[in-house]
Protein backbone atom coordinates (compact mmCIF):
# COMPACT_ATOMS: atom_id res chain seq x y z
CA MET A 1 0.00 0.00 0.00
CA PRO A 2 1.48 3.39 -0.96
CA ASN A 3 2.33 5.83 1.78
CA LYS A 4 -0.03 8.72 2.51
CA ASP A 5 2.77 11.28 2.26
CA PRO A 6 6.03 9.59 1.29
CA LEU A 7 8.04 12.83 1.23
CA GLN A 8 7.07 13.59 4.82
CA LEU A 9 7.89 10.01 5.85
CA ALA A 10 11.35 10.33 4.26
CA ILE A 11 11.94 13.60 6.11
CA GLU A 12 10.86 12.13 9.44
CA LEU A 13 12.99 8.99 8.98
CA ALA A 14 16.01 11.19 8.25
CA ARG A 15 15.30 13.21 11.38
CA ILE A 16 14.93 10.06 13.48
CA ALA A 17 18.29 8.79 12.22
CA ASP A 18 19.93 12.15 12.96
CA GLU A 19 18.34 12.57 16.39
CA ASN A 20 19.56 9.09 17.32
CA LYS A 21 23.23 9.83 16.59
CA SER A 22 23.51 8.53 13.02
CA GLU A 23 26.16 10.19 10.89
CA ASP A 24 26.04 11.63 7.35
CA VAL A 25 22.25 11.35 6.99
CA ILE A 26 20.94 12.04 3.50
CA ALA A 27 17.52 11.77 1.88
CA LEU A 28 17.23 11.46 -1.89
CA ASP A 29 14.29 12.04 -4.21
CA LEU A 30 14.27 9.14 -6.67
CA ARG A 31 10.97 9.95 -8.38
CA GLY A 32 11.52 9.45 -12.09
CA ILE A 33 14.93 7.84 -11.45
CA SER A 34 14.13 4.54 -9.72
CA PRO A 35 11.26 2.21 -10.63
CA VAL A 36 11.53 0.65 -7.15
CA THR A 37 10.93 3.54 -4.71
CA ASP A 38 10.34 7.29 -4.65
CA PHE A 39 12.58 8.27 -1.75
CA VAL A 40 15.59 6.78 -0.02
CA VAL A 41 17.16 7.76 3.28
CA VAL A 42 20.75 6.69 3.97
CA ALA A 43 22.56 6.97 7.30
CA THR A 44 25.70 5.63 8.93
CA GLY A 45 25.54 4.11 12.38
CA THR A 46 28.20 4.18 15.04
CA SER A 47 27.63 0.67 16.45
CA ASP A 48 25.36 -2.32 15.99
CA ARG A 49 23.39 -1.26 19.06
CA GLN A 50 22.91 2.26 17.72
CA LEU A 51 21.86 0.96 14.29
CA ARG A 52 19.24 -1.31 15.87
CA GLY A 53 18.03 1.58 18.03
CA VAL A 54 17.46 3.77 14.97
CA ALA A 55 15.66 0.91 13.22
CA ASP A 56 13.45 0.38 16.28
CA ARG A 57 12.56 4.08 16.53
CA ALA A 58 11.87 4.31 12.80
CA THR A 59 9.60 1.27 13.01
CA GLU A 60 7.80 2.71 16.05
CA TYR A 61 7.28 5.99 14.22
CA GLY A 62 5.89 4.21 11.17
CA LYS A 63 3.38 2.31 13.31
CA LYS A 64 2.40 5.51 15.14
CA VAL A 65 1.54 7.32 11.91
CA GLY A 66 -0.09 4.32 10.23
CA GLU A 67 2.65 3.54 7.71
CA GLN A 68 2.84 -0.10 6.64
CA LEU A 69 6.33 -1.61 6.81
CA TYR A 70 6.50 -3.81 3.72
CA GLY A 71 9.71 -5.58 4.74
CA SER A 72 12.96 -5.32 6.60
CA SER A 73 16.31 -7.05 6.63
CA GLY A 74 19.68 -6.98 8.33
CA TYR A 75 18.52 -6.34 11.88
CA GLU A 76 20.38 -9.35 13.28
CA SER A 77 23.77 -8.52 11.78
CA ALA A 78 23.33 -4.72 12.05
CA ALA A 79 25.82 -4.11 9.25
CA TRP A 80 23.15 -2.91 6.79
CA ILE A 81 19.60 -2.59 8.07
CA LEU A 82 16.93 -1.91 5.47
CA LEU A 83 13.36 -0.80 6.25
CA ASP A 84 11.07 -0.83 3.21
CA TYR A 85 7.94 1.32 3.28
CA VAL A 86 7.47 0.84 -0.51
CA ASP A 87 7.63 4.53 -1.47
CA VAL A 88 10.39 5.18 1.07
CA VAL A 89 13.35 2.93 1.88
CA LEU A 90 15.61 3.54 4.88
CA HIS A 91 19.18 2.21 4.65
CA LEU A 92 21.16 2.16 7.90
CA PHE A 93 24.77 1.19 7.36
CA ALA A 94 27.84 0.38 9.40
CA ALA A 95 30.54 2.72 8.03
CA SER A 96 32.46 0.10 6.04
CA TYR A 97 29.28 -1.17 4.36
CA ARG A 98 28.15 2.32 3.41
CA GLU A 99 31.51 3.05 1.85
CA TYR A 100 31.51 -0.27 -0.04
CA TYR A 101 27.97 -0.01 -1.46
CA ASP A 102 28.14 3.77 -2.06
CA LEU A 103 24.45 4.34 -2.77
CA GLU A 104 25.07 8.06 -3.18
CA LEU A 105 27.18 7.29 -6.26
CA LEU A 106 24.53 4.91 -7.59
CA TRP A 107 21.92 7.68 -7.34
CA GLY A 108 24.27 10.59 -7.98
CA ASP A 109 21.72 12.41 -10.15
CA ALA A 110 19.02 12.33 -7.48
CA PRO A 111 18.14 15.60 -5.78
CA ARG A 112 18.79 15.75 -2.05
CA ILE A 113 15.90 16.53 0.24
CA GLU A 114 16.29 19.15 2.94
CA TRP A 115 15.14 17.38 6.09
CA ALA A 116 16.81 19.26 8.96
CA ARG A 117 14.52 21.30 11.17
CA SER A 118 15.00 25.03 11.01
CA GLU A 119 16.36 26.78 14.09
CA SER A 120 12.92 28.29 14.74
CA ALA A 121 11.06 24.97 14.50
């Protein structure tokens, strides 16, 4: 089932990753670029525990706002955790995995989404 507002979900997932100590958080708009999803959020974790914590909070947020999690993988190994909300996919990487897979290069033409809260928010 498509998300009610996939752009807002991508923004909130990026914020959750950032607020929970992830590094180098980016959100990309893949509409018209990828046939698989509209938005992707990529973040680097600092430990397996931290990666799982971000995944847990993102999952809790999705449930709270009525977003259906289509699938997930990698939680056990916590090297690359993927949460798939169909129109939005969250990738949480250990640093070495993020460098190796380099999704930013793969989607180098994709516009970045401004997700950070303004100082007045």
